[in-house]
PDB file of all heavy atoms in Angstrom:
ATOM      1  N   ASN A   1      -8.619  -5.781  20.469  1.00  0.00           N
ATOM      2  CA  ASN A   1      -9.096  -5.726  21.859  1.00  0.00           C
ATOM      3  C   ASN A   1      -8.090  -6.464  22.732  1.00  0.00           C
ATOM      4  O   ASN A   1      -8.074  -7.697  22.786  1.00  0.00           O
ATOM      5  CB  ASN A   1     -10.471  -6.376  21.971  1.00  0.00           C
ATOM      6  CG  ASN A   1     -11.075  -6.236  23.353  1.00  0.00           C
ATOM      7  OD1 ASN A   1     -10.469  -5.651  24.276  1.00  0.00           O
ATOM      8  ND2 ASN A   1     -12.281  -6.763  23.539  1.00  0.00           N
ATOM      9  N   PRO A   2      -7.217  -5.739  23.425  1.00  0.00           N
ATOM     10  CA  PRO A   2      -6.210  -6.405  24.257  1.00  0.00           C
ATOM     11  C   PRO A   2      -6.811  -7.265  25.358  1.00  0.00           C
ATOM     12  O   PRO A   2      -6.193  -8.250  25.786  1.00  0.00           O
ATOM     13  CB  PRO A   2      -5.402  -5.252  24.841  1.00  0.00           C
ATOM     14  CG  PRO A   2      -5.636  -4.099  23.900  1.00  0.00           C
ATOM     15  CD  PRO A   2      -7.031  -4.280  23.403  1.00  0.00           C
ATOM     16  N   ALA A   3      -8.001  -6.949  25.803  1.00  0.00           N
ATOM     17  CA  ALA A   3      -8.610  -7.715  26.892  1.00  0.00           C
ATOM     18  C   ALA A   3      -9.144  -9.052  26.406  1.00  0.00           C
ATOM     19  O   ALA A   3      -9.019 -10.069  27.098  1.00  0.00           O
ATOM     20  CB  ALA A   3      -9.729  -6.900  27.542  1.00  0.00           C
ATOM     21  N   ASP A   4      -9.746  -9.095  25.254  1.00  0.00           N
ATOM     22  CA  ASP A   4     -10.308 -10.338  24.704  1.00  0.00           C
ATOM     23  C   ASP A   4     -10.100 -10.324  23.188  1.00  0.00           C
ATOM     24  O   ASP A   4     -11.010  -9.995  22.422  1.00  0.00           O
ATOM     25  CB  ASP A   4     -11.789 -10.433  25.071  1.00  0.00           C
ATOM     26  CG  ASP A   4     -12.408 -11.757  24.621  1.00  0.00           C
ATOM     27  OD1 ASP A   4     -11.625 -12.687  24.316  1.00  0.00           O
ATOM     28  OD2 ASP A   4     -13.645 -11.840  24.555  1.00  0.00           O
ATOM     29  N   GLN A   5      -8.887 -10.641  22.780  1.00  0.00           N
ATOM     30  CA  GLN A   5      -8.524 -10.508  21.367  1.00  0.00           C
ATOM     31  C   GLN A   5      -8.962 -11.741  20.569  1.00  0.00           C
ATOM     32  O   GLN A   5      -8.660 -12.876  20.918  1.00  0.00           O
ATOM     33  CB  GLN A   5      -7.007 -10.328  21.212  1.00  0.00           C
ATOM     34  CG  GLN A   5      -6.559 -10.109  19.788  1.00  0.00           C
ATOM     35  CD  GLN A   5      -7.123  -8.811  19.229  1.00  0.00           C
ATOM     36  OE1 GLN A   5      -6.900  -7.733  19.794  1.00  0.00           O
ATOM     37  NE2 GLN A   5      -7.880  -8.910  18.152  1.00  0.00           N
ATOM     38  N   GLY A   6      -9.715 -11.493  19.526  1.00  0.00           N
ATOM     39  CA  GLY A   6     -10.065 -12.529  18.555  1.00  0.00           C
ATOM     40  C   GLY A   6      -9.433 -12.205  17.203  1.00  0.00           C
ATOM     41  O   GLY A   6      -9.520 -11.073  16.722  1.00  0.00           O
ATOM     42  N   ILE A   7      -8.806 -13.169  16.620  1.00  0.00           N
ATOM     43  CA  ILE A   7      -8.082 -12.909  15.350  1.00  0.00           C
ATOM     44  C   ILE A   7      -8.590 -13.789  14.207  1.00  0.00           C
ATOM     45  O   ILE A   7      -7.909 -13.953  13.189  1.00  0.00           O
ATOM     46  CB  ILE A   7      -6.568 -13.134  15.528  1.00  0.00           C
ATOM     47  CG1 ILE A   7      -6.287 -14.577  15.934  1.00  0.00           C
ATOM     48  CG2 ILE A   7      -5.987 -12.157  16.536  1.00  0.00           C
ATOM     49  CD1 ILE A   7      -4.808 -14.918  15.916  1.00  0.00           C
ATOM     50  N   GLN A   8      -9.802 -14.334  14.337  1.00  0.00           N
ATOM     51  CA  GLN A   8     -10.297 -15.209  13.284  1.00  0.00           C
ATOM     52  C   GLN A   8     -10.407 -14.495  11.943  1.00  0.00           C
ATOM     53  O   GLN A   8      -9.974 -15.030  10.918  1.00  0.00           O
ATOM     54  CB  GLN A   8     -11.651 -15.807  13.695  1.00  0.00           C
ATOM     55  CG  GLN A   8     -12.188 -16.811  12.682  1.00  0.00           C
ATOM     56  CD  GLN A   8     -13.502 -17.430  13.146  1.00  0.00           C
ATOM     57  OE1 GLN A   8     -14.038 -17.051  14.214  1.00  0.00           O
ATOM     58  NE2 GLN A   8     -14.005 -18.372  12.378  1.00  0.00           N
ATOM     59  N   PRO A   9     -10.969 -13.283  11.861  1.00  0.00           N
ATOM     60  CA  PRO A   9     -10.993 -12.599  10.563  1.00  0.00           C
ATOM     61  C   PRO A   9      -9.593 -12.364   9.998  1.00  0.00           C
ATOM     62  O   PRO A   9      -9.374 -12.484   8.794  1.00  0.00           O
ATOM     63  CB  PRO A   9     -11.716 -11.286  10.873  1.00  0.00           C
ATOM     64  CG  PRO A   9     -12.525 -11.574  12.075  1.00  0.00           C
ATOM     65  CD  PRO A   9     -11.704 -12.525  12.885  1.00  0.00           C
ATOM     66  N   LEU A  10      -8.652 -12.037  10.879  1.00  0.00           N
ATOM     67  CA  LEU A  10      -7.289 -11.823  10.401  1.00  0.00           C
ATOM     68  C   LEU A  10      -6.678 -13.131   9.890  1.00  0.00           C
ATOM     69  O   LEU A  10      -5.944 -13.141   8.887  1.00  0.00           O
ATOM     70  CB  LEU A  10      -6.447 -11.238  11.524  1.00  0.00           C
ATOM     71  CG  LEU A  10      -4.990 -10.911  11.166  1.00  0.00           C
ATOM     72  CD1 LEU A  10      -4.934  -9.875  10.044  1.00  0.00           C
ATOM     73  CD2 LEU A  10      -4.241 -10.417  12.391  1.00  0.00           C
ATOM     74  N   GLU A  11      -6.964 -14.234  10.561  1.00  0.00           N
ATOM     75  CA  GLU A  11      -6.464 -15.529  10.098  1.00  0.00           C
ATOM     76  C   GLU A  11      -7.051 -15.879   8.735  1.00  0.00           C
ATOM     77  O   GLU A  11      -6.373 -16.470   7.878  1.00  0.00           O
ATOM     78  CB  GLU A  11      -6.798 -16.613  11.120  1.00  0.00           C
ATOM     79  CG  GLU A  11      -5.992 -16.498  12.410  1.00  0.00           C
ATOM     80  CD  GLU A  11      -6.416 -17.531  13.430  1.00  0.00           C
ATOM     81  OE1 GLU A  11      -7.539 -18.078  13.280  1.00  0.00           O
ATOM     82  OE2 GLU A  11      -5.649 -17.789  14.382  1.00  0.00           O
ATOM     83  N   GLN A  12      -8.329 -15.534   8.538  1.00  0.00           N
ATOM     84  CA  GLN A  12      -8.937 -15.795   7.227  1.00  0.00           C
ATOM     85  C   GLN A  12      -8.250 -14.988   6.124  1.00  0.00           C
ATOM     86  O   GLN A  12      -8.088 -15.463   5.001  1.00  0.00           O
ATOM     87  CB  GLN A  12     -10.428 -15.459   7.278  1.00  0.00           C
ATOM     88  CG  GLN A  12     -11.228 -16.344   8.225  1.00  0.00           C
ATOM     89  CD  GLN A  12     -12.680 -15.918   8.331  1.00  0.00           C
ATOM     90  OE1 GLN A  12     -13.125 -15.006   7.633  1.00  0.00           O
ATOM     91  NE2 GLN A  12     -13.422 -16.551   9.238  1.00  0.00           N
ATOM     92  N   VAL A  13      -7.827 -13.782   6.483  1.00  0.00           N
ATOM     93  CA  VAL A  13      -7.118 -12.970   5.495  1.00  0.00           C
ATOM     94  C   VAL A  13      -5.725 -13.522   5.244  1.00  0.00           C
ATOM     95  O   VAL A  13      -5.281 -13.654   4.107  1.00  0.00           O
ATOM     96  CB  VAL A  13      -7.054 -11.506   5.962  1.00  0.00           C
ATOM     97  CG1 VAL A  13      -6.145 -10.690   5.050  1.00  0.00           C
ATOM     98  CG2 VAL A  13      -8.448 -10.902   6.009  1.00  0.00           C
ATOM     99  N   LEU A  14      -5.023 -13.855   6.331  1.00  0.00           N
ATOM    100  CA  LEU A  14      -3.654 -14.348   6.177  1.00  0.00           C
ATOM    101  C   LEU A  14      -3.594 -15.711   5.495  1.00  0.00           C
ATOM    102  O   LEU A  14      -2.538 -16.119   5.000  1.00  0.00           O
ATOM    103  CB  LEU A  14      -2.974 -14.423   7.547  1.00  0.00           C
ATOM    104  CG  LEU A  14      -2.751 -13.088   8.251  1.00  0.00           C
ATOM    105  CD1 LEU A  14      -2.111 -13.297   9.611  1.00  0.00           C
ATOM    106  CD2 LEU A  14      -1.879 -12.176   7.386  1.00  0.00           C
ATOM    107  N   ALA A  15      -4.704 -16.431   5.476  1.00  0.00           N
ATOM    108  CA  ALA A  15      -4.713 -17.725   4.777  1.00  0.00           C
ATOM    109  C   ALA A  15      -4.464 -17.562   3.280  1.00  0.00           C
ATOM    110  O   ALA A  15      -4.022 -18.508   2.612  1.00  0.00           O
ATOM    111  CB  ALA A  15      -6.040 -18.434   5.026  1.00  0.00           C
ATOM    112  N   TRP A  16      -4.723 -16.382   2.735  1.00  0.00           N
ATOM    113  CA  TRP A  16      -4.540 -16.131   1.294  1.00  0.00           C
ATOM    114  C   TRP A  16      -3.193 -15.469   0.984  1.00  0.00           C
ATOM    115  O   TRP A  16      -2.962 -15.045  -0.160  1.00  0.00           O
ATOM    116  CB  TRP A  16      -5.646 -15.197   0.789  1.00  0.00           C
ATOM    117  CG  TRP A  16      -7.020 -15.802   0.839  1.00  0.00           C
ATOM    118  CD1 TRP A  16      -7.867 -15.807   1.900  1.00  0.00           C
ATOM    119  CD2 TRP A  16      -7.677 -16.498  -0.212  1.00  0.00           C
ATOM    120  NE1 TRP A  16      -9.031 -16.448   1.585  1.00  0.00           N
ATOM    121  CE2 TRP A  16      -8.944 -16.889   0.273  1.00  0.00           C
ATOM    122  CE3 TRP A  16      -7.341 -16.820  -1.525  1.00  0.00           C
ATOM    123  CZ2 TRP A  16      -9.851 -17.584  -0.490  1.00  0.00           C
ATOM    124  CZ3 TRP A  16      -8.261 -17.519  -2.292  1.00  0.00           C
ATOM    125  CH2 TRP A  16      -9.489 -17.897  -1.779  1.00  0.00           C
ATOM    126  N   LYS A  17      -2.301 -15.371   1.974  1.00  0.00           N
ATOM    127  CA  LYS A  17      -1.067 -14.623   1.759  1.00  0.00           C
ATOM    128  C   LYS A  17      -0.180 -15.243   0.681  1.00  0.00           C
ATOM    129  O   LYS A  17       0.602 -14.543   0.031  1.00  0.00           O
ATOM    130  CB  LYS A  17      -0.289 -14.509   3.062  1.00  0.00           C
ATOM    131  CG  LYS A  17       0.233 -15.847   3.595  1.00  0.00           C
ATOM    132  CD  LYS A  17       1.021 -15.650   4.880  1.00  0.00           C
ATOM    133  CE  LYS A  17       1.575 -16.985   5.387  1.00  0.00           C
ATOM    134  NZ  LYS A  17       2.365 -16.822   6.621  1.00  0.00           N
ATOM    135  N   SER A  18      -0.267 -16.566   0.443  1.00  0.00           N
ATOM    136  CA  SER A  18       0.575 -17.195  -0.583  1.00  0.00           C
ATOM    137  C   SER A  18       0.175 -16.780  -1.997  1.00  0.00           C
ATOM    138  O   SER A  18       0.944 -16.980  -2.943  1.00  0.00           O
ATOM    139  CB  SER A  18       0.513 -18.722  -0.457  1.00  0.00           C
ATOM    140  OG  SER A  18      -0.810 -19.180  -0.654  1.00  0.00           O
ATOM    141  N   PHE A  19      -1.018 -16.196  -2.158  1.00  0.00           N
ATOM    142  CA  PHE A  19      -1.481 -15.782  -3.483  1.00  0.00           C
ATOM    143  C   PHE A  19      -1.120 -14.330  -3.781  1.00  0.00           C
ATOM    144  O   PHE A  19      -1.419 -13.850  -4.880  1.00  0.00           O
ATOM    145  CB  PHE A  19      -2.998 -15.962  -3.598  1.00  0.00           C
ATOM    146  CG  PHE A  19      -3.423 -17.403  -3.585  1.00  0.00           C
ATOM    147  CD1 PHE A  19      -3.762 -18.031  -2.398  1.00  0.00           C
ATOM    148  CD2 PHE A  19      -3.464 -18.144  -4.763  1.00  0.00           C
ATOM    149  CE1 PHE A  19      -4.156 -19.360  -2.382  1.00  0.00           C
ATOM    150  CE2 PHE A  19      -3.853 -19.468  -4.754  1.00  0.00           C
ATOM    151  CZ  PHE A  19      -4.200 -20.084  -3.558  1.00  0.00           C
ATOM    152  N   PHE A  20      -0.548 -13.620  -2.804  1.00  0.00           N
ATOM    153  CA  PHE A  20      -0.184 -12.219  -3.005  1.00  0.00           C
ATOM    154  C   PHE A  20       1.275 -12.025  -2.613  1.00  0.00           C
ATOM    155  O   PHE A  20       1.811 -12.729  -1.751  1.00  0.00           O
ATOM    156  CB  PHE A  20      -1.064 -11.284  -2.166  1.00  0.00           C
ATOM    157  CG  PHE A  20      -2.530 -11.392  -2.464  1.00  0.00           C
ATOM    158  CD1 PHE A  20      -3.361 -12.191  -1.690  1.00  0.00           C
ATOM    159  CD2 PHE A  20      -3.079 -10.691  -3.532  1.00  0.00           C
ATOM    160  CE1 PHE A  20      -4.705 -12.294  -1.961  1.00  0.00           C
ATOM    161  CE2 PHE A  20      -4.425 -10.789  -3.810  1.00  0.00           C
ATOM    162  CZ  PHE A  20      -5.247 -11.596  -3.024  1.00  0.00           C
ATOM    163  N   LYS A  21       1.882 -11.051  -3.223  1.00  0.00           N
ATOM    164  CA  LYS A  21       3.232 -10.685  -2.824  1.00  0.00           C
ATOM    165  C   LYS A  21       3.196  -9.999  -1.465  1.00  0.00           C
ATOM    166  O   LYS A  21       2.194  -9.383  -1.084  1.00  0.00           O
ATOM    167  CB  LYS A  21       3.856  -9.756  -3.861  1.00  0.00           C
ATOM    168  CG  LYS A  21       4.259 -10.470  -5.141  1.00  0.00           C
ATOM    169  CD  LYS A  21       5.049  -9.551  -6.041  1.00  0.00           C
ATOM    170  CE  LYS A  21       5.544 -10.311  -7.263  1.00  0.00           C
ATOM    171  NZ  LYS A  21       6.379  -9.460  -8.143  1.00  0.00           N
ATOM    172  N   PRO A  22       4.283 -10.094  -0.699  1.00  0.00           N
ATOM    173  CA  PRO A  22       4.296  -9.450   0.636  1.00  0.00           C
ATOM    174  C   PRO A  22       3.995  -7.959   0.583  1.00  0.00           C
ATOM    175  O   PRO A  22       3.368  -7.413   1.505  1.00  0.00           O
ATOM    176  CB  PRO A  22       5.715  -9.717   1.137  1.00  0.00           C
ATOM    177  CG  PRO A  22       6.134 -10.968   0.429  1.00  0.00           C
ATOM    178  CD  PRO A  22       5.499 -10.894  -0.929  1.00  0.00           C
ATOM    179  N   SER A  23       4.415  -7.299  -0.517  1.00  0.00           N
ATOM    180  CA  SER A  23       4.147  -5.863  -0.618  1.00  0.00           C
ATOM    181  C   SER A  23       2.657  -5.577  -0.727  1.00  0.00           C
ATOM    182  O   SER A  23       2.142  -4.616  -0.140  1.00  0.00           O
ATOM    183  CB  SER A  23       4.880  -5.285  -1.823  1.00  0.00           C
ATOM    184  OG  SER A  23       4.461  -5.947  -3.021  1.00  0.00           O
ATOM    185  N   VAL A  24       1.924  -6.416  -1.476  1.00  0.00           N
ATOM    186  CA  VAL A  24       0.475  -6.219  -1.613  1.00  0.00           C
ATOM    187  C   VAL A  24      -0.228  -6.512  -0.293  1.00  0.00           C
ATOM    188  O   VAL A  24      -1.118  -5.764   0.154  1.00  0.00           O
ATOM    189  CB  VAL A  24      -0.066  -7.107  -2.750  1.00  0.00           C
ATOM    190  CG1 VAL A  24      -1.582  -6.971  -2.845  1.00  0.00           C
ATOM    191  CG2 VAL A  24       0.596  -6.750  -4.069  1.00  0.00           C
ATOM    192  N   MET A  25       0.155  -7.620   0.347  1.00  0.00           N
ATOM    193  CA  MET A  25      -0.447  -7.939   1.637  1.00  0.00           C
ATOM    194  C   MET A  25      -0.115  -6.862   2.667  1.00  0.00           C
ATOM    195  O   MET A  25      -0.949  -6.526   3.532  1.00  0.00           O
ATOM    196  CB  MET A  25       0.059  -9.305   2.112  1.00  0.00           C
ATOM    197  CG  MET A  25      -0.628  -9.832   3.348  1.00  0.00           C
ATOM    198  SD  MET A  25      -2.423 -10.086   3.155  1.00  0.00           S
ATOM    199  CE  MET A  25      -2.445 -11.432   1.983  1.00  0.00           C
ATOM    200  N   GLY A  26       1.083  -6.291   2.585  1.00  0.00           N
ATOM    201  CA  GLY A  26       1.438  -5.201   3.491  1.00  0.00           C
ATOM    202  C   GLY A  26       0.557  -3.988   3.296  1.00  0.00           C
ATOM    203  O   GLY A  26       0.148  -3.324   4.274  1.00  0.00           O
ATOM    204  N   GLU A  27       0.251  -3.635   2.045  1.00  0.00           N
ATOM    205  CA  GLU A  27      -0.652  -2.508   1.785  1.00  0.00           C
ATOM    206  C   GLU A  27      -2.022  -2.752   2.398  1.00  0.00           C
ATOM    207  O   GLU A  27      -2.661  -1.829   2.927  1.00  0.00           O
ATOM    208  CB  GLU A  27      -0.780  -2.299   0.272  1.00  0.00           C
ATOM    209  CG  GLU A  27       0.437  -1.698  -0.384  1.00  0.00           C
ATOM    210  CD  GLU A  27       0.602  -0.244  -0.009  1.00  0.00           C
ATOM    211  OE1 GLU A  27      -0.397   0.372   0.415  1.00  0.00           O
ATOM    212  OE2 GLU A  27       1.714   0.282  -0.133  1.00  0.00           O
ATOM    213  N   LEU A  28      -2.463  -4.015   2.314  1.00  0.00           N
ATOM    214  CA  LEU A  28      -3.763  -4.342   2.912  1.00  0.00           C
ATOM    215  C   LEU A  28      -3.733  -4.126   4.422  1.00  0.00           C
ATOM    216  O   LEU A  28      -4.663  -3.531   5.007  1.00  0.00           O
ATOM    217  CB  LEU A  28      -4.116  -5.792   2.580  1.00  0.00           C
ATOM    218  CG  LEU A  28      -5.379  -6.359   3.252  1.00  0.00           C
ATOM    219  CD1 LEU A  28      -6.615  -5.600   2.789  1.00  0.00           C
ATOM    220  CD2 LEU A  28      -5.522  -7.844   2.935  1.00  0.00           C
ATOM    221  N   LEU A  29      -2.702  -4.579   5.086  1.00  0.00           N
ATOM    222  CA  LEU A  29      -2.601  -4.419   6.544  1.00  0.00           C
ATOM    223  C   LEU A  29      -2.444  -2.957   6.930  1.00  0.00           C
ATOM    224  O   LEU A  29      -3.024  -2.498   7.939  1.00  0.00           O
ATOM    225  CB  LEU A  29      -1.424  -5.244   7.070  1.00  0.00           C
ATOM    226  CG  LEU A  29      -1.551  -6.764   6.909  1.00  0.00           C
ATOM    227  CD1 LEU A  29      -0.279  -7.455   7.371  1.00  0.00           C
ATOM    228  CD2 LEU A  29      -2.758  -7.297   7.669  1.00  0.00           C
ATOM    229  N   VAL A  30      -1.673  -2.208   6.170  1.00  0.00           N
ATOM    230  CA  VAL A  30      -1.490  -0.782   6.468  1.00  0.00           C
ATOM    231  C   VAL A  30      -2.806  -0.036   6.347  1.00  0.00           C
ATOM    232  O   VAL A  30      -3.097   0.902   7.111  1.00  0.00           O
ATOM    233  CB  VAL A  30      -0.407  -0.192   5.539  1.00  0.00           C
ATOM    234  CG1 VAL A  30      -0.390   1.332   5.640  1.00  0.00           C
ATOM    235  CG2 VAL A  30       0.957  -0.762   5.890  1.00  0.00           C
ATOM    236  N   ALA A  31      -3.632  -0.447   5.409  1.00  0.00           N
ATOM    237  CA  ALA A  31      -4.894   0.261   5.185  1.00  0.00           C
ATOM    238  C   ALA A  31      -5.966  -0.122   6.197  1.00  0.00           C
ATOM    239  O   ALA A  31      -6.766   0.725   6.625  1.00  0.00           O
ATOM    240  CB  ALA A  31      -5.377  -0.007   3.766  1.00  0.00           C
ATOM    241  N   GLU A  32      -6.016  -1.417   6.613  1.00  0.00           N
ATOM    242  CA  GLU A  32      -7.151  -1.877   7.413  1.00  0.00           C
ATOM    243  C   GLU A  32      -6.778  -2.341   8.822  1.00  0.00           C
ATOM    244  O   GLU A  32      -7.597  -2.247   9.736  1.00  0.00           O
ATOM    245  CB  GLU A  32      -7.853  -3.030   6.677  1.00  0.00           C
ATOM    246  CG  GLU A  32      -8.337  -2.683   5.294  1.00  0.00           C
ATOM    247  CD  GLU A  32      -9.391  -1.582   5.297  1.00  0.00           C
ATOM    248  OE1 GLU A  32      -9.987  -1.321   6.371  1.00  0.00           O
ATOM    249  OE2 GLU A  32      -9.626  -0.983   4.242  1.00  0.00           O
ATOM    250  N   PHE A  33      -5.587  -2.832   9.033  1.00  0.00           N
ATOM    251  CA  PHE A  33      -5.233  -3.354  10.365  1.00  0.00           C
ATOM    252  C   PHE A  33      -4.528  -2.315  11.226  1.00  0.00           C
ATOM    253  O   PHE A  33      -4.925  -2.064  12.383  1.00  0.00           O
ATOM    254  CB  PHE A  33      -4.349  -4.594  10.199  1.00  0.00           C
ATOM    255  CG  PHE A  33      -3.686  -5.029  11.469  1.00  0.00           C
ATOM    256  CD1 PHE A  33      -4.397  -5.699  12.463  1.00  0.00           C
ATOM    257  CD2 PHE A  33      -2.341  -4.740  11.717  1.00  0.00           C
ATOM    258  CE1 PHE A  33      -3.778  -6.089  13.655  1.00  0.00           C
ATOM    259  CE2 PHE A  33      -1.726  -5.127  12.897  1.00  0.00           C
ATOM    260  CZ  PHE A  33      -2.435  -5.803  13.866  1.00  0.00           C
ATOM    261  N   PHE A  34      -3.498  -1.704  10.721  1.00  0.00           N
ATOM    262  CA  PHE A  34      -2.667  -0.833  11.547  1.00  0.00           C
ATOM    263  C   PHE A  34      -3.387   0.428  12.044  1.00  0.00           C
ATOM    264  O   PHE A  34      -3.083   0.901  13.154  1.00  0.00           O
ATOM    265  CB  PHE A  34      -1.379  -0.462  10.797  1.00  0.00           C
ATOM    266  CG  PHE A  34      -0.334  -1.550  10.863  1.00  0.00           C
ATOM    267  CD1 PHE A  34      -0.107  -2.367   9.783  1.00  0.00           C
ATOM    268  CD2 PHE A  34       0.389  -1.759  12.030  1.00  0.00           C
ATOM    269  CE1 PHE A  34       0.849  -3.371   9.846  1.00  0.00           C
ATOM    270  CE2 PHE A  34       1.351  -2.758  12.097  1.00  0.00           C
ATOM    271  CZ  PHE A  34       1.580  -3.579  11.004  1.00  0.00           C
ATOM    272  N   PRO A  35      -4.328   1.011  11.289  1.00  0.00           N
ATOM    273  CA  PRO A  35      -5.051   2.146  11.905  1.00  0.00           C
ATOM    274  C   PRO A  35      -5.771   1.757  13.190  1.00  0.00           C
ATOM    275  O   PRO A  35      -5.756   2.508  14.190  1.00  0.00           O
ATOM    276  CB  PRO A  35      -6.018   2.576  10.802  1.00  0.00           C
ATOM    277  CG  PRO A  35      -5.338   2.166   9.544  1.00  0.00           C
ATOM    278  CD  PRO A  35      -4.653   0.875   9.875  1.00  0.00           C
ATOM    279  N   LYS A  36      -6.404   0.570  13.190  1.00  0.00           N
ATOM    280  CA  LYS A  36      -7.078   0.104  14.402  1.00  0.00           C
ATOM    281  C   LYS A  36      -6.061  -0.227  15.493  1.00  0.00           C
ATOM    282  O   LYS A  36      -6.258   0.099  16.672  1.00  0.00           O
ATOM    283  CB  LYS A  36      -7.935  -1.120  14.091  1.00  0.00           C
ATOM    284  CG  LYS A  36      -9.076  -0.849  13.126  1.00  0.00           C
ATOM    285  CD  LYS A  36      -9.882  -2.121  12.869  1.00  0.00           C
ATOM    286  CE  LYS A  36     -11.046  -1.836  11.915  1.00  0.00           C
ATOM    287  NZ  LYS A  36     -11.859  -3.050  11.663  1.00  0.00           N
ATOM    288  N   TRP A  37      -4.975  -0.842  15.122  1.00  0.00           N
ATOM    289  CA  TRP A  37      -3.960  -1.255  16.109  1.00  0.00           C
ATOM    290  C   TRP A  37      -3.285  -0.039  16.749  1.00  0.00           C
ATOM    291  O   TRP A  37      -3.098   0.008  17.971  1.00  0.00           O
ATOM    292  CB  TRP A  37      -2.940  -2.139  15.378  1.00  0.00           C
ATOM    293  CG  TRP A  37      -1.882  -2.703  16.277  1.00  0.00           C
ATOM    294  CD1 TRP A  37      -1.973  -3.815  17.057  1.00  0.00           C
ATOM    295  CD2 TRP A  37      -0.567  -2.175  16.481  1.00  0.00           C
ATOM    296  NE1 TRP A  37      -0.809  -4.034  17.740  1.00  0.00           N
ATOM    297  CE2 TRP A  37       0.092  -3.026  17.404  1.00  0.00           C
ATOM    298  CE3 TRP A  37       0.110  -1.064  15.994  1.00  0.00           C
ATOM    299  CZ2 TRP A  37       1.398  -2.799  17.830  1.00  0.00           C
ATOM    300  CZ3 TRP A  37       1.409  -0.850  16.426  1.00  0.00           C
ATOM    301  CH2 TRP A  37       2.050  -1.698  17.320  1.00  0.00           C
ATOM    302  N   LEU A  38      -2.955   0.976  15.954  1.00  0.00           N
ATOM    303  CA  LEU A  38      -2.325   2.181  16.480  1.00  0.00           C
ATOM    304  C   LEU A  38      -3.292   2.962  17.381  1.00  0.00           C
ATOM    305  O   LEU A  38      -2.881   3.573  18.392  1.00  0.00           O
ATOM    306  CB  LEU A  38      -1.826   3.057  15.330  1.00  0.00           C
ATOM    307  CG  LEU A  38      -0.630   2.518  14.540  1.00  0.00           C
ATOM    308  CD1 LEU A  38      -0.333   3.418  13.333  1.00  0.00           C
ATOM    309  CD2 LEU A  38       0.612   2.428  15.441  1.00  0.00           C
TER     310      LEU A  38
END
């Protein structure tokens, strides 16, 4: 939501990024974040 953007759920996800390889975390974002963003 460009007007009132909240990123708390995304921050909760990114908090676990050290436990996954960047390629795995990228697949997660491609599947769930980028469709909404595009």
